[in-house]
Amino acid sequence: MKKLLFTACAALLFFSGFTQAQSKKSDKIKKEKVVDTQSIYQFKVEDLSGETFDFSKLKGKKVLIVNTASKCGYTPQYEQLEAIYKEYKDKGFTIIGFPANNFNGQEPGTNKDIETFCKLNYGVTFPMMSKISVKGADMSPLYQFLTQKEKNGVKDSEVKWNFQKYLIDEKGHLVEVYFSKTKPDAPEIVNWIKQ
């Protein structure tokens, strides 16, 4: 009887230890699977060459995301965008351009046309992505995130025209939105970059 009781106790202790170990292992897996859904690091897009661009590689950098167009009154902002990119790209800052044809057909070209235009006319070296939609029923998932508070955790906004700017902090979170008329080298943007 004593032997049977000892065996039952040993089995109970073993099972209890095993259950605790499994529980800790399960907790660890749960923690590892937690993704910050309010950061841009969840997104992968295509660049102008059709290569995958993973936003998670931007961790630790401030990012300015801008929707661009080649035939817009604001198109000369490419020059200021390139200037601040060159000045701050080695100081934890980058710019990501998204060509979009949502406003009066001002970005009609192919990805190749856009790439040629940007390099030839403005010497653009900051990363440019494939043409997307930034509003409407076919809005890209990234721009859904940028414009919807329920997704970004900060604010709702609407892309009103070409060259609207979204500022993203070093943790991938939305910080602020500036409309087209705010130039890329405006004090409020440059001061944020330098902080």
Protein backbone atom coordinates (compact mmCIF):
# COMPACT_ATOMS: atom_id res chain seq x y z
CA MET A 1 0.00 0.00 0.00
CA LYS A 2 2.85 2.38 0.94
CA LYS A 3 4.60 1.54 -2.32
CA LEU A 4 1.43 2.27 -4.29
CA LEU A 5 0.93 5.58 -2.44
CA PHE A 6 4.58 6.57 -3.08
CA THR A 7 4.21 5.77 -6.80
CA ALA A 8 1.00 7.81 -7.02
CA CYS A 9 2.66 10.80 -5.28
CA ALA A 10 5.72 10.59 -7.55
CA ALA A 11 3.50 10.48 -10.64
CA LEU A 12 1.50 13.46 -9.35
CA LEU A 13 4.68 15.48 -8.75
CA PHE A 14 6.04 14.56 -12.16
CA PHE A 15 2.77 15.48 -13.90
CA SER A 16 2.57 18.77 -11.96
CA GLY A 17 6.14 19.70 -12.99
CA PHE A 18 5.46 18.71 -16.59
CA THR A 19 2.27 20.82 -16.68
CA GLN A 20 4.12 23.87 -15.27
CA ALA A 21 6.90 23.45 -17.84
CA GLN A 22 4.35 23.17 -20.65
CA SER A 23 2.53 26.24 -19.33
CA LYS A 24 5.78 28.28 -19.27
CA LYS A 25 6.63 27.07 -22.77
CA SER A 26 3.15 28.06 -23.97
CA ASP A 27 3.48 31.53 -22.37
CA LYS A 28 6.83 31.99 -24.09
CA ILE A 29 5.34 31.09 -27.48
CA LYS A 30 2.45 33.51 -26.91
CA LYS A 31 4.87 36.32 -26.04
CA GLU A 32 6.98 35.65 -29.13
CA LYS A 33 3.91 35.75 -31.38
CA VAL A 34 2.75 39.17 -30.14
CA VAL A 35 3.09 41.62 -33.04
CA ASP A 36 2.81 45.38 -32.63
CA THR A 37 -0.11 45.91 -34.99
CA GLN A 38 0.19 49.67 -34.54
CA SER A 39 3.60 49.85 -36.19
CA ILE A 40 4.59 49.95 -39.86
CA TYR A 41 6.96 47.01 -39.31
CA GLN A 42 4.17 44.56 -40.18
CA PHE A 43 4.19 45.67 -43.84
CA LYS A 44 6.03 44.45 -46.91
CA VAL A 45 5.64 46.23 -50.23
CA GLU A 46 7.28 46.23 -53.66
CA ASP A 47 9.79 48.84 -54.77
CA LEU A 48 9.95 50.31 -58.29
CA SER A 49 12.05 47.35 -59.44
CA GLY A 50 9.54 44.80 -58.15
CA GLU A 51 11.75 43.75 -55.23
CA THR A 52 10.23 43.19 -51.77
CA PHE A 53 10.77 46.05 -49.35
CA ASP A 54 10.31 44.99 -45.70
CA PHE A 55 9.46 47.85 -43.35
CA SER A 56 10.85 45.89 -40.39
CA LYS A 57 14.35 46.73 -41.64
CA LEU A 58 13.62 50.36 -40.75
CA LYS A 59 13.51 49.67 -36.99
CA GLY A 60 15.29 52.44 -35.10
CA LYS A 61 14.87 55.02 -37.89
CA LYS A 62 12.56 57.98 -38.28
CA VAL A 63 10.63 57.68 -41.54
CA LEU A 64 8.83 60.17 -43.75
CA ILE A 65 6.29 58.44 -46.01
CA VAL A 66 5.06 60.52 -48.95
CA ASN A 67 2.71 59.89 -51.87
CA THR A 68 4.24 61.31 -55.03
CA ALA A 69 3.26 62.27 -58.59
CA SER A 70 5.25 63.37 -61.64
CA LYS A 71 2.79 65.88 -63.11
CA CYS A 72 1.69 67.85 -60.05
CA GLY A 73 2.22 71.43 -58.94
CA TYR A 74 3.94 69.96 -55.87
CA THR A 75 6.29 67.73 -57.92
CA PRO A 76 9.26 70.10 -57.28
CA GLN A 77 9.09 68.91 -53.65
CA TYR A 78 11.13 65.93 -54.89
CA GLU A 79 14.09 68.32 -54.75
CA GLN A 80 13.56 69.18 -51.07
CA LEU A 81 12.82 65.54 -50.21
CA GLU A 82 16.11 64.48 -51.78
CA ALA A 83 17.98 67.28 -49.98
CA ILE A 84 16.77 66.32 -46.50
CA TYR A 85 17.28 62.63 -47.30
CA LYS A 86 20.92 63.26 -48.22
CA GLU A 87 21.47 65.42 -45.16
CA TYR A 88 19.95 63.07 -42.58
CA LYS A 89 20.08 59.56 -44.09
CA ASP A 90 23.18 58.71 -42.03
CA LYS A 91 21.57 60.11 -38.87
CA GLY A 92 18.72 57.63 -38.43
CA PHE A 93 16.27 59.02 -40.99
CA THR A 94 14.83 57.89 -44.30
CA ILE A 95 12.13 58.76 -46.81
CA ILE A 96 9.87 56.26 -48.57
CA GLY A 97 8.07 57.50 -51.69
CA PHE A 98 4.84 55.97 -52.98
CA PRO A 99 3.81 57.07 -56.48
CA ALA A 100 0.02 57.26 -56.76
CA ASN A 101 -2.36 58.21 -59.56
CA ASN A 102 -5.32 59.10 -57.31
CA PHE A 103 -5.44 62.83 -58.06
CA ASN A 104 -6.36 64.07 -61.55
CA GLY A 105 -4.28 61.34 -63.20
CA GLN A 106 -1.06 63.12 -62.22
CA GLU A 107 1.00 59.91 -62.03
CA PRO A 108 0.08 58.09 -65.27
CA GLY A 109 3.42 56.38 -65.95
CA THR A 110 4.67 52.86 -65.32
CA ASN A 111 7.09 52.08 -62.50
CA LYS A 112 9.93 52.30 -65.03
CA ASP A 113 8.69 55.69 -66.28
CA ILE A 114 8.52 56.97 -62.68
CA GLU A 115 12.00 55.71 -61.86
CA THR A 116 13.47 57.40 -64.94
CA PHE A 117 11.60 60.64 -64.26
CA CYS A 118 12.72 60.82 -60.61
CA LYS A 119 16.39 60.15 -61.36
CA LEU A 120 16.59 62.29 -64.47
CA ASN A 121 14.77 65.35 -63.15
CA TYR A 122 15.50 65.32 -59.42
CA GLY A 123 18.34 62.85 -58.84
CA VAL A 124 16.17 60.91 -56.39
CA THR A 125 18.11 58.34 -54.37
CA PHE A 126 15.68 57.72 -51.49
CA PRO A 127 13.65 54.48 -51.72
CA MET A 128 10.73 54.66 -54.14
CA MET A 129 8.04 51.97 -54.10
CA SER A 130 5.77 50.63 -56.82
CA LYS A 131 2.75 52.70 -57.76
CA ILE A 132 -0.17 52.16 -55.38
CA SER A 133 -3.55 53.64 -54.48
CA VAL A 134 -3.64 55.91 -51.42
CA LYS A 135 -7.41 56.37 -51.19
CA GLY A 136 -10.70 54.80 -52.24
CA ALA A 137 -11.85 51.19 -52.42
CA ASP A 138 -8.46 49.95 -53.66
CA MET A 139 -6.40 51.81 -51.02
CA SER A 140 -3.23 49.89 -50.14
CA PRO A 141 -3.08 48.19 -46.71
CA LEU A 142 -0.20 50.49 -45.68
CA TYR A 143 -2.28 53.60 -46.39
CA GLN A 144 -5.26 52.07 -44.60
CA PHE A 145 -2.94 51.83 -41.60
CA LEU A 146 -1.67 55.40 -42.01
CA THR A 147 -5.16 56.93 -42.34
CA GLN A 148 -7.22 54.93 -39.82
CA LYS A 149 -6.92 55.50 -36.07
CA GLU A 150 -8.28 52.03 -35.32
CA LYS A 151 -5.19 50.67 -37.11
CA ASN A 152 -2.46 53.21 -36.26
CA GLY A 153 -3.66 54.07 -32.75
CA VAL A 154 -3.06 57.81 -33.20
CA LYS A 155 -5.41 59.56 -35.61
CA ASP A 156 -7.70 59.38 -38.59
CA SER A 157 -6.68 61.30 -41.70
CA GLU A 158 -7.45 61.44 -45.38
CA VAL A 159 -4.92 61.73 -48.19
CA LYS A 160 -6.09 64.99 -49.74
CA TRP A 161 -3.53 65.39 -52.53
CA ASN A 162 -0.09 64.39 -53.78
CA PHE A 163 2.93 64.89 -51.50
CA GLN A 164 1.10 64.42 -48.20
CA LYS A 165 3.61 63.47 -45.52
CA TYR A 166 3.33 60.91 -42.72
CA LEU A 167 5.97 60.97 -39.99
CA ILE A 168 6.84 57.67 -38.32
CA ASP A 169 9.01 57.40 -35.19
CA GLU A 170 11.86 55.00 -34.42
CA LYS A 171 9.42 52.38 -33.13
CA GLY A 172 7.34 52.40 -36.30
CA HIS A 173 4.47 54.42 -34.86
CA LEU A 174 2.64 57.26 -36.57
CA VAL A 175 3.56 60.65 -35.11
CA GLU A 176 2.09 63.34 -37.37
CA VAL A 177 0.58 64.10 -40.77
CA TYR A 178 1.44 67.13 -42.92
CA PHE A 179 -0.53 68.11 -46.00
CA SER A 180 0.98 68.90 -49.39
CA LYS A 181 1.55 72.60 -48.81
CA THR A 182 3.99 71.85 -45.96
CA LYS A 183 7.35 71.58 -47.66
CA PRO A 184 9.62 68.64 -46.79
CA ASP A 185 12.26 71.02 -45.40
CA ALA A 186 9.76 73.00 -43.29
CA PRO A 187 11.07 73.74 -39.76
CA GLU A 188 8.47 71.49 -38.09
CA ILE A 189 9.65 68.48 -40.12
CA VAL A 190 13.39 69.21 -39.91
CA ASN A 191 13.19 69.86 -36.15
CA TRP A 192 11.41 66.52 -35.70
CA ILE A 193 14.12 64.74 -37.70
CA LYS A 194 16.84 66.34 -35.57
CA GLN A 195 15.23 65.55 -32.17
